[in-house]
Amino acid sequence: MEASALNTLLARARFALVNPNWLLLAGSLLVLLAATTHLLLLPGREAAIAAGERRLAQLERNTRRLQIEHQSAPEQGRPQLLQRFPDESRLPGELGRLLNLAESGGLQFSAGEYRLVAGKEKLLDRYVVSLPVLGDYREIRQFLLTLRDEFPNLAIEDVSLRRDSIGAGEIEAQLRLVIFIRRAEVL
C-alpha cells in the first residue's frame, strides 16, 4: 500500500513537472516578488526619501536665513567692487596714460575715435576707444599684453590687423578698447 501510494505520488509529481500549472506558478512568483520588494527594497527607499526630505528642509531653512540676512544687511560689497573702476573725472587721465603707453611701446597712431555708451544697469558706463595704430607685430602684441596688466578694468573688444604686403614690416592695427567707468552718483 505504501509502495502504491509512493508510486502514485511520484507519478503525479512527474505529471506536474511535465505539465506545469502556469497560473499557479505565475501567482506564486508574483507573491514572492511582492514580498521581497516589501521586505527588502521599500525600507531602504523610504529611508532615502526621508533623508532627502530632511536635507531639503534644512536647505530651505538656510536659504530663507540667508535671504533675510541679505535683505537686512546693507550692500557692503558693492561700493568696494565699484571703487576698482575709475570715475568720470579720472577718464582724461586714464586716456592719457593709455596713449602714453602706446607711444612708449613704439606705436604710431594718428587719430582715435572715442564715444561714451551709457550702461543699462546705471552703475557703469562704457567708454569705447577705437584706436588705429601702426607698428611692428611684436610691438602691437606687447602693447596689448601691457594694456591687460596696466588696465585691469579695460576690455580689448576687437583687434583687426592688416598688412599691405607680405614683406612689409609694419602692420596697421585697428584696436577697439572699452574702458569701464563708474558713474559719480553711484557711490
Foldseek 3Di string as FASTA:
>chain_A
DVVVVVVVVVVVVVVCVVPPDVVVVVVVVVVVVVVCCVPPPVVVVVVVVVVVVVVVVVVVVVVVVVVVVVVVDPPDVVVVVQVLAAAPVCVVVVVVVLVVLLVVLVKDWDDKDWDWAQDPVQFKIKIKIKTKIKAAPVSVVVSVVVCCVVQVQKDFDDKDWDDPDPPDRMIIIITIMIGIHTYPVPD
